[in-house]
């Protein structure tokens, strides 16, 4: 059974940091490109960051460049999103996604709220 389980979300003040984790099971994690998406209320889901299967390449949406870092540990079947200098506009539900060709899986999401 395929599972992607996110954790690490919560309430944080502007300028603060959070580290999201996504633990995968039920598929060959090291073969999949992993990505983080987010969706704010009333907005479309957007790609935040992605990382290659080996972890050697990554890309970010412009609004998080220099603040967020995606990484993965294939030995632990886990992908991370380190989020620093958080802003209120980063408030959203964050989802991890595993992609391999036309095959993909989604996690259930973890809520991040940035507010004073």
Protein backbone atom coordinates (compact mmCIF):
# COMPACT_ATOMS: atom_id res chain seq x y z
CA UNK A 1 0.00 0.00 0.00
CA UNK A 2 1.42 3.35 -1.08
CA UNK A 3 1.62 6.00 1.61
CA UNK A 4 3.06 9.49 1.82
CA UNK A 5 2.78 10.95 5.29
CA UNK A 6 3.66 14.60 5.85
CA UNK A 7 4.45 16.14 9.22
CA UNK A 8 6.08 19.21 10.72
CA UNK A 9 3.50 21.84 9.97
CA UNK A 10 2.15 24.24 12.53
CA UNK A 11 1.74 27.84 13.58
CA UNK A 12 4.85 30.03 13.37
CA UNK A 13 5.50 33.75 13.59
CA UNK A 14 6.73 35.71 10.57
CA UNK A 15 10.46 35.26 10.20
CA UNK A 16 10.36 31.87 11.84
CA UNK A 17 11.29 28.44 10.52
CA UNK A 18 9.69 25.05 10.06
CA UNK A 19 10.93 21.75 8.69
CA UNK A 20 8.43 19.57 6.90
CA UNK A 21 8.98 15.85 6.46
CA UNK A 22 7.31 13.36 4.14
CA UNK A 23 7.84 9.66 4.79
CA UNK A 24 7.10 7.32 1.90
CA UNK A 25 6.26 3.62 1.80
CA UNK A 26 4.89 1.08 -0.63
CA UNK A 27 6.97 2.06 -3.66
CA UNK A 28 10.60 2.44 -4.72
CA UNK A 29 11.20 5.87 -3.24
CA UNK A 30 14.70 6.29 -4.70
CA UNK A 31 13.32 6.07 -8.25
CA UNK A 32 10.84 8.91 -7.85
CA UNK A 33 11.18 12.64 -8.27
CA UNK A 34 9.83 14.20 -5.10
CA UNK A 35 8.16 17.56 -4.84
CA UNK A 36 6.38 19.84 -2.41
CA UNK A 37 3.23 21.70 -3.39
CA UNK A 38 1.08 24.10 -1.44
CA UNK A 39 -2.48 25.31 -1.65
CA UNK A 40 -3.84 28.36 0.10
CA UNK A 41 -7.59 28.86 0.60
CA UNK A 42 -9.22 29.98 -2.62
CA UNK A 43 -6.07 29.45 -4.65
CA UNK A 44 -4.79 26.77 -6.97
CA UNK A 45 -2.26 24.23 -5.82
CA UNK A 46 1.24 25.39 -6.77
CA UNK A 47 4.59 23.70 -7.05
CA UNK A 48 7.00 24.92 -4.39
CA UNK A 49 10.09 22.77 -4.90
CA UNK A 50 11.20 19.52 -6.45
CA UNK A 51 14.23 17.27 -6.17
CA UNK A 52 15.58 14.62 -8.50
CA UNK A 53 15.52 10.96 -7.57
CA UNK A 54 19.19 10.97 -6.58
CA UNK A 55 18.92 14.30 -4.83
CA UNK A 56 21.46 15.96 -7.08
CA UNK A 57 19.18 18.55 -8.66
CA UNK A 58 16.46 20.77 -7.25
CA UNK A 59 14.23 23.60 -8.40
CA UNK A 60 12.15 26.19 -6.59
CA UNK A 61 9.38 28.57 -7.36
CA UNK A 62 10.66 32.14 -7.38
CA UNK A 63 8.79 33.21 -4.25
CA UNK A 64 10.68 30.74 -2.02
CA UNK A 65 14.16 30.85 -3.57
CA UNK A 66 16.78 31.57 -0.92
CA UNK A 67 14.37 30.76 1.91
CA UNK A 68 13.31 27.14 1.36
CA UNK A 69 15.50 24.08 0.85
CA UNK A 70 14.32 20.70 -0.35
CA UNK A 71 16.36 17.59 0.47
CA UNK A 72 15.89 13.85 0.62
CA UNK A 73 17.29 10.81 2.39
CA UNK A 74 16.73 7.76 0.21
CA UNK A 75 17.89 5.47 3.00
CA UNK A 76 15.01 6.75 5.13
CA UNK A 77 12.47 7.12 2.30
CA UNK A 78 12.00 10.71 3.39
CA UNK A 79 11.90 14.10 1.70
CA UNK A 80 12.22 17.34 3.64
CA UNK A 81 11.39 20.98 3.15
CA UNK A 82 13.31 23.39 5.33
CA UNK A 83 11.46 26.69 5.41
CA UNK A 84 13.19 29.78 6.79
CA UNK A 85 12.21 33.44 6.94
CA UNK A 86 8.57 32.48 6.71
CA UNK A 87 6.04 35.06 5.57
CA UNK A 88 2.28 35.26 6.05
CA UNK A 89 1.88 34.53 2.34
CA UNK A 90 3.49 31.12 2.91
CA UNK A 91 0.38 30.08 4.81
CA UNK A 92 -1.09 27.05 3.06
CA UNK A 93 -1.62 23.32 3.17
CA UNK A 94 1.63 21.69 2.07
CA UNK A 95 1.60 18.41 0.17
CA UNK A 96 4.36 16.10 -0.96
CA UNK A 97 4.13 14.31 -4.29
CA UNK A 98 6.05 11.38 -5.74
CA UNK A 99 6.37 11.19 -9.53
CA UNK A 100 7.82 8.58 -11.85
CA UNK A 101 6.79 8.90 -15.47
CA UNK A 102 2.98 8.86 -15.55
CA UNK A 103 2.78 7.41 -12.04
CA UNK A 104 2.32 9.75 -9.11
CA UNK A 105 1.16 9.74 -5.51
CA UNK A 106 0.07 12.49 -3.13
CA UNK A 107 0.26 12.83 0.61
CA UNK A 108 -2.62 14.09 2.74
CA UNK A 109 -0.98 17.41 3.54
CA UNK A 110 0.24 19.34 6.57
CA UNK A 111 -0.97 22.83 7.46
CA UNK A 112 1.48 25.71 7.76
CA UNK A 113 0.21 28.95 9.24
CA UNK A 114 2.43 32.02 9.47
CA UNK A 115 0.91 34.64 11.72
CA UNK A 116 1.76 36.90 14.60
